[in-house]
């Protein structure tokens, strides 16, 4: 493949490392060049997928932590200081259990009530 044609293909596909190879004078056959470009695109897709998964996971963990903190604050206001057991139970609970506890917040009169609801 002529260097100029390969250079155009690399530019169109956004394969910067391939452009650098051509500019540096490296010889490369068409199959190898296309394979490199395909591998680079695949790796870029995996990176983007990983970034999206990371953002989704971070948001989910942030919402869970925010819910835990809100419930701990509400229960502390309502009941006074909470035991480590209650705090640890809330910190290790799923979003589903925390939502259940949130809906029952007005019915809670003691830490035992909260633990019964969440367990």
N, C-alpha and C. Protein backbone atom coordinates (compact mmCIF):
# COMPACT_ATOMS: atom_id res chain seq x y z
N UNK A 1 0.86 -1.18 0.00
CA UNK A 1 0.00 0.00 0.00
C UNK A 1 0.90 1.23 0.00
N UNK A 2 0.56 2.22 -0.82
CA UNK A 2 1.34 3.44 -0.85
C UNK A 2 1.17 4.18 0.47
N UNK A 3 2.24 4.83 0.87
CA UNK A 3 2.22 5.56 2.14
C UNK A 3 1.12 6.62 2.16
N UNK A 4 0.92 7.30 1.04
CA UNK A 4 -0.08 8.37 1.00
C UNK A 4 -1.49 7.80 1.24
N UNK A 5 -1.79 6.66 0.62
CA UNK A 5 -3.11 6.05 0.80
C UNK A 5 -3.30 5.58 2.23
N UNK A 6 -2.24 4.98 2.78
CA UNK A 6 -2.32 4.53 4.16
C UNK A 6 -2.49 5.72 5.09
N UNK A 7 -1.79 6.80 4.79
CA UNK A 7 -1.90 8.01 5.60
C UNK A 7 -3.34 8.53 5.58
N UNK A 8 -3.98 8.56 4.42
CA UNK A 8 -5.37 9.01 4.31
C UNK A 8 -6.29 8.10 5.12
N UNK A 9 -6.09 6.78 5.00
CA UNK A 9 -6.93 5.84 5.73
C UNK A 9 -6.77 6.02 7.24
N UNK A 10 -5.53 6.23 7.68
CA UNK A 10 -5.27 6.41 9.11
C UNK A 10 -5.91 7.70 9.62
N UNK A 11 -5.84 8.74 8.82
CA UNK A 11 -6.44 10.02 9.23
C UNK A 11 -7.96 9.90 9.29
N UNK A 12 -8.55 9.29 8.29
CA UNK A 12 -10.02 9.16 8.25
C UNK A 12 -10.53 8.32 9.42
N UNK A 13 -9.81 7.29 9.77
CA UNK A 13 -10.26 6.42 10.87
C UNK A 13 -9.81 6.92 12.23
N UNK A 14 -9.02 7.99 12.27
CA UNK A 14 -8.58 8.55 13.55
C UNK A 14 -7.52 7.72 14.24
N UNK A 15 -6.74 6.98 13.47
CA UNK A 15 -5.69 6.13 14.05
C UNK A 15 -4.38 6.88 14.08
N UNK A 16 -4.23 7.73 15.08
CA UNK A 16 -3.09 8.62 15.17
C UNK A 16 -1.77 7.87 15.22
N UNK A 17 -1.72 6.77 15.97
CA UNK A 17 -0.45 6.04 16.05
C UNK A 17 -0.04 5.51 14.69
N UNK A 18 -0.99 5.19 13.83
CA UNK A 18 -0.68 4.73 12.49
C UNK A 18 -0.12 5.87 11.64
N UNK A 19 -0.65 7.07 11.83
CA UNK A 19 -0.14 8.24 11.12
C UNK A 19 1.32 8.46 11.50
N UNK A 20 1.61 8.35 12.79
CA UNK A 20 2.99 8.53 13.24
C UNK A 20 3.91 7.48 12.63
N UNK A 21 3.44 6.23 12.51
CA UNK A 21 4.26 5.19 11.88
C UNK A 21 4.60 5.55 10.45
N UNK A 22 3.62 6.06 9.71
CA UNK A 22 3.87 6.42 8.31
C UNK A 22 4.82 7.60 8.25
N UNK A 23 4.61 8.61 9.09
CA UNK A 23 5.48 9.79 9.07
C UNK A 23 6.91 9.46 9.46
N UNK A 24 7.08 8.46 10.31
CA UNK A 24 8.42 8.05 10.71
C UNK A 24 9.09 7.18 9.66
N UNK A 25 8.35 6.82 8.64
CA UNK A 25 8.93 6.05 7.56
C UNK A 25 8.85 4.55 7.74
N UNK A 26 8.12 4.06 8.72
CA UNK A 26 7.98 2.62 8.91
C UNK A 26 7.25 2.01 7.73
N UNK A 27 7.71 0.87 7.33
CA UNK A 27 7.02 0.12 6.29
C UNK A 27 5.92 -0.70 6.95
N UNK A 28 4.77 -0.76 6.31
CA UNK A 28 3.66 -1.53 6.86
C UNK A 28 2.81 -2.03 5.71
N UNK A 29 2.44 -3.29 5.76
CA UNK A 29 1.57 -3.77 4.68
C UNK A 29 0.13 -3.48 5.03
N UNK A 30 -0.73 -3.54 4.03
CA UNK A 30 -2.12 -3.14 4.19
C UNK A 30 -2.85 -3.97 5.25
N UNK A 31 -2.68 -5.28 5.23
CA UNK A 31 -3.38 -6.14 6.19
C UNK A 31 -2.96 -5.81 7.63
N UNK A 32 -1.66 -5.65 7.83
CA UNK A 32 -1.16 -5.32 9.16
C UNK A 32 -1.69 -3.97 9.61
N UNK A 33 -1.69 -3.02 8.72
CA UNK A 33 -2.19 -1.68 9.06
C UNK A 33 -3.65 -1.68 9.43
N UNK A 34 -4.46 -2.38 8.63
CA UNK A 34 -5.89 -2.43 8.92
C UNK A 34 -6.15 -3.19 10.22
N UNK A 35 -5.37 -4.23 10.47
CA UNK A 35 -5.52 -4.99 11.71
C UNK A 35 -5.18 -4.12 12.91
N UNK A 36 -4.12 -3.34 12.80
CA UNK A 36 -3.75 -2.44 13.90
C UNK A 36 -4.86 -1.42 14.17
N UNK A 37 -5.40 -0.87 13.08
CA UNK A 37 -6.48 0.11 13.25
C UNK A 37 -7.69 -0.53 13.91
N UNK A 38 -8.04 -1.75 13.49
CA UNK A 38 -9.19 -2.44 14.08
C UNK A 38 -8.95 -2.72 15.56
N UNK A 39 -7.76 -3.14 15.92
CA UNK A 39 -7.44 -3.43 17.33
C UNK A 39 -7.50 -2.15 18.16
N UNK A 40 -7.02 -1.06 17.59
CA UNK A 40 -7.07 0.21 18.32
C UNK A 40 -8.51 0.63 18.57
N UNK A 41 -9.36 0.49 17.56
CA UNK A 41 -10.77 0.84 17.71
C UNK A 41 -11.44 -0.03 18.76
N UNK A 42 -11.12 -1.31 18.75
CA UNK A 42 -11.70 -2.23 19.72
C UNK A 42 -11.26 -1.86 21.13
N UNK A 43 -9.99 -1.56 21.28
CA UNK A 43 -9.48 -1.17 22.60
C UNK A 43 -10.14 0.13 23.07
N UNK A 44 -10.34 1.06 22.16
CA UNK A 44 -11.00 2.32 22.51
C UNK A 44 -12.43 2.07 22.96
N UNK A 45 -13.12 1.14 22.27
CA UNK A 45 -14.49 0.79 22.65
C UNK A 45 -14.54 0.19 24.05
N UNK A 46 -13.59 -0.68 24.37
CA UNK A 46 -13.53 -1.28 25.71
C UNK A 46 -13.26 -0.22 26.77
N UNK A 47 -12.38 0.73 26.45
CA UNK A 47 -12.10 1.81 27.41
C UNK A 47 -13.35 2.63 27.68
N UNK A 48 -14.07 2.99 26.62
CA UNK A 48 -15.28 3.79 26.79
C UNK A 48 -16.35 3.03 27.57
N UNK A 49 -16.48 1.74 27.27
CA UNK A 49 -17.45 0.92 28.01
C UNK A 49 -17.09 0.87 29.48
N UNK A 50 -15.80 0.73 29.78
CA UNK A 50 -15.34 0.72 31.16
C UNK A 50 -15.61 2.04 31.86
N UNK A 51 -15.42 3.14 31.14
CA UNK A 51 -15.69 4.46 31.71
C UNK A 51 -17.18 4.60 32.04
N UNK A 52 -18.03 4.17 31.14
CA UNK A 52 -19.48 4.27 31.36
C UNK A 52 -19.89 3.42 32.57
N UNK A 53 -19.36 2.20 32.63
CA UNK A 53 -19.68 1.34 33.78
C UNK A 53 -19.19 1.97 35.08
N UNK A 54 -18.02 2.59 35.04
CA UNK A 54 -17.49 3.24 36.23
C UNK A 54 -18.36 4.40 36.69
N UNK A 55 -18.83 5.19 35.75
CA UNK A 55 -19.70 6.32 36.08
C UNK A 55 -21.01 5.82 36.68
N UNK A 56 -21.59 4.81 36.07
CA UNK A 56 -22.85 4.25 36.58
C UNK A 56 -22.66 3.69 37.99
N UNK A 57 -21.58 2.97 38.18
CA UNK A 57 -21.31 2.39 39.51
C UNK A 57 -21.08 3.49 40.54
N UNK A 58 -20.32 4.51 40.16
CA UNK A 58 -20.06 5.61 41.08
C UNK A 58 -21.33 6.34 41.49
N UNK A 59 -22.20 6.56 40.53
CA UNK A 59 -23.47 7.22 40.84
C UNK A 59 -24.32 6.36 41.78
N UNK A 60 -24.36 5.08 41.50
CA UNK A 60 -25.14 4.17 42.34
C UNK A 60 -24.60 4.14 43.77
N UNK A 61 -23.29 4.05 43.90
CA UNK A 61 -22.68 4.04 45.24
C UNK A 61 -22.90 5.38 45.94
N UNK A 62 -22.87 6.47 45.19
CA UNK A 62 -23.12 7.79 45.78
C UNK A 62 -24.54 7.94 46.29
N UNK A 63 -25.49 7.42 45.52
CA UNK A 63 -26.90 7.48 45.96
C UNK A 63 -27.10 6.64 47.22
N UNK A 64 -26.47 5.47 47.26
CA UNK A 64 -26.59 4.60 48.43
C UNK A 64 -26.01 5.29 49.66
N UNK A 65 -24.84 5.88 49.52
CA UNK A 65 -24.20 6.56 50.66
C UNK A 65 -25.03 7.77 51.11
N UNK A 66 -25.59 8.49 50.15
CA UNK A 66 -26.43 9.64 50.50
C UNK A 66 -27.67 9.19 51.28
N UNK A 67 -28.29 8.10 50.85
CA UNK A 67 -29.48 7.56 51.53
C UNK A 67 -29.11 7.12 52.95
N UNK A 68 -27.97 6.44 53.10
CA UNK A 68 -27.52 5.99 54.41
C UNK A 68 -27.31 7.18 55.34
N UNK A 69 -26.62 8.20 54.85
CA UNK A 69 -26.35 9.39 55.67
C UNK A 69 -27.63 10.11 56.06
N UNK A 70 -28.56 10.21 55.14
CA UNK A 70 -29.84 10.87 55.44
C UNK A 70 -30.60 10.12 56.52
N UNK A 71 -30.68 8.80 56.39
CA UNK A 71 -31.39 8.00 57.40
C UNK A 71 -30.70 8.07 58.76
N UNK A 72 -29.39 8.03 58.76
CA UNK A 72 -28.67 8.14 60.04
C UNK A 72 -28.94 9.50 60.70
N UNK A 73 -28.97 10.54 59.90
CA UNK A 73 -29.26 11.88 60.44
C UNK A 73 -30.69 11.95 60.98
N UNK A 74 -31.66 11.44 60.23
CA UNK A 74 -33.05 11.47 60.68
C UNK A 74 -33.25 10.65 61.95
N UNK A 75 -32.67 9.46 61.97
CA UNK A 75 -32.83 8.61 63.15
C UNK A 75 -32.14 9.21 64.37
N UNK A 76 -31.01 9.85 64.17
CA UNK A 76 -30.31 10.50 65.28
C UNK A 76 -31.15 11.66 65.82
N UNK A 77 -31.76 12.42 64.92
CA UNK A 77 -32.63 13.51 65.36
C UNK A 77 -33.84 12.98 66.13
N UNK A 78 -34.37 11.87 65.68
CA UNK A 78 -35.58 11.33 66.28
C UNK A 78 -35.31 10.56 67.57
N UNK A 79 -34.21 9.79 67.59
CA UNK A 79 -33.96 8.87 68.71
C UNK A 79 -32.77 9.26 69.59
N UNK A 80 -31.98 10.21 69.17
CA UNK A 80 -30.75 10.53 69.89
C UNK A 80 -29.60 9.71 69.32
N UNK A 81 -28.53 9.62 70.07
CA UNK A 81 -27.36 8.87 69.59
C UNK A 81 -27.72 7.43 69.27
N UNK A 82 -27.20 6.94 68.16
CA UNK A 82 -27.47 5.57 67.73
C UNK A 82 -26.31 4.67 68.12
N UNK A 83 -26.63 3.42 68.38
CA UNK A 83 -25.58 2.45 68.70
C UNK A 83 -24.76 2.14 67.43
N UNK A 84 -23.56 1.63 67.64
CA UNK A 84 -22.71 1.23 66.53
C UNK A 84 -23.40 0.14 65.71
N UNK A 85 -24.12 -0.75 66.38
CA UNK A 85 -24.83 -1.83 65.69
C UNK A 85 -25.83 -1.27 64.68
N UNK A 86 -26.62 -0.29 65.13
CA UNK A 86 -27.61 0.31 64.24
C UNK A 86 -26.93 1.04 63.09
N UNK A 87 -25.90 1.81 63.43
CA UNK A 87 -25.18 2.54 62.38
C UNK A 87 -24.56 1.57 61.37
N UNK A 88 -23.91 0.52 61.84
CA UNK A 88 -23.28 -0.46 60.94
C UNK A 88 -24.32 -1.18 60.09
N UNK A 89 -25.46 -1.49 60.69
CA UNK A 89 -26.52 -2.16 59.94
C UNK A 89 -27.02 -1.28 58.80
N UNK A 90 -27.22 -0.01 59.09
CA UNK A 90 -27.68 0.92 58.06
C UNK A 90 -26.59 1.09 56.98
N UNK A 91 -25.36 1.21 57.39
CA UNK A 91 -24.25 1.39 56.43
C UNK A 91 -24.04 0.17 55.54
N UNK A 92 -24.47 -1.00 55.99
CA UNK A 92 -24.27 -2.21 55.19
C UNK A 92 -25.55 -2.68 54.50
N UNK A 93 -26.60 -1.88 54.56
CA UNK A 93 -27.88 -2.28 53.98
C UNK A 93 -27.97 -1.94 52.50
N UNK A 94 -28.82 -2.68 51.82
CA UNK A 94 -29.07 -2.43 50.40
C UNK A 94 -30.01 -1.24 50.23
N UNK A 95 -30.08 -0.72 49.02
CA UNK A 95 -30.98 0.39 48.74
C UNK A 95 -32.43 -0.01 48.99
N UNK A 96 -32.78 -1.24 48.67
CA UNK A 96 -34.15 -1.72 48.90
C UNK A 96 -34.53 -1.65 50.38
N UNK A 97 -33.63 -2.11 51.24
CA UNK A 97 -33.91 -2.08 52.68
C UNK A 97 -33.95 -0.65 53.20
N UNK A 98 -33.08 0.20 52.68
CA UNK A 98 -33.07 1.59 53.11
C UNK A 98 -34.36 2.30 52.69
N UNK A 99 -34.86 1.98 51.50
CA UNK A 99 -36.13 2.57 51.05
C UNK A 99 -37.28 2.13 51.96
N UNK A 100 -37.26 0.87 52.36
CA UNK A 100 -38.28 0.35 53.27
C UNK A 100 -38.23 1.10 54.61
N UNK A 101 -37.02 1.32 55.11
CA UNK A 101 -36.84 2.04 56.36
C UNK A 101 -37.30 3.50 56.21
N UNK A 102 -37.01 4.10 55.08
CA UNK A 102 -37.42 5.48 54.83
C UNK A 102 -38.93 5.62 54.87
N UNK A 103 -39.63 4.68 54.26
CA UNK A 103 -41.09 4.74 54.24
C UNK A 103 -41.70 4.52 55.62
N UNK A 104 -40.95 3.90 56.51
CA UNK A 104 -41.45 3.61 57.87
C UNK A 104 -40.92 4.59 58.91
N UNK A 105 -40.24 5.64 58.50
CA UNK A 105 -39.55 6.54 59.42
C UNK A 105 -40.49 7.12 60.48
N UNK A 106 -41.75 7.38 60.13
CA UNK A 106 -42.68 7.97 61.09
C UNK A 106 -43.21 6.96 62.12
N UNK A 107 -43.06 5.68 61.82
CA UNK A 107 -43.53 4.63 62.73
C UNK A 107 -42.44 4.19 63.71
N UNK A 108 -41.24 4.63 63.53
CA UNK A 108 -40.12 4.19 64.36
C UNK A 108 -40.11 4.95 65.68
N UNK A 109 -40.09 4.20 66.78
CA UNK A 109 -40.03 4.80 68.11
C UNK A 109 -38.75 4.43 68.85
N UNK A 110 -38.00 3.44 68.33
CA UNK A 110 -36.78 3.00 69.00
C UNK A 110 -35.82 2.41 67.95
N UNK A 111 -34.58 2.21 68.37
CA UNK A 111 -33.61 1.57 67.48
C UNK A 111 -34.05 0.16 67.12
N UNK A 112 -34.68 -0.51 68.06
CA UNK A 112 -35.17 -1.86 67.81
C UNK A 112 -36.18 -1.86 66.67
N UNK A 113 -37.04 -0.85 66.63
CA UNK A 113 -38.00 -0.74 65.53
C UNK A 113 -37.25 -0.62 64.19
N UNK A 114 -36.26 0.23 64.18
CA UNK A 114 -35.48 0.44 62.95
C UNK A 114 -34.79 -0.84 62.51
N UNK A 115 -34.17 -1.53 63.46
CA UNK A 115 -33.46 -2.78 63.13
C UNK A 115 -34.43 -3.86 62.67
N UNK A 116 -35.59 -3.91 63.26
CA UNK A 116 -36.60 -4.90 62.85
C UNK A 116 -37.05 -4.63 61.42
N UNK A 117 -37.25 -3.39 61.09
CA UNK A 117 -37.70 -3.02 59.74
C UNK A 117 -36.63 -3.31 58.70
N UNK A 118 -35.41 -3.00 59.03
CA UNK A 118 -34.33 -3.11 58.06
C UNK A 118 -33.82 -4.55 57.91
N UNK A 119 -34.06 -5.37 58.89
CA UNK A 119 -33.59 -6.77 58.82
C UNK A 119 -34.63 -7.69 58.31
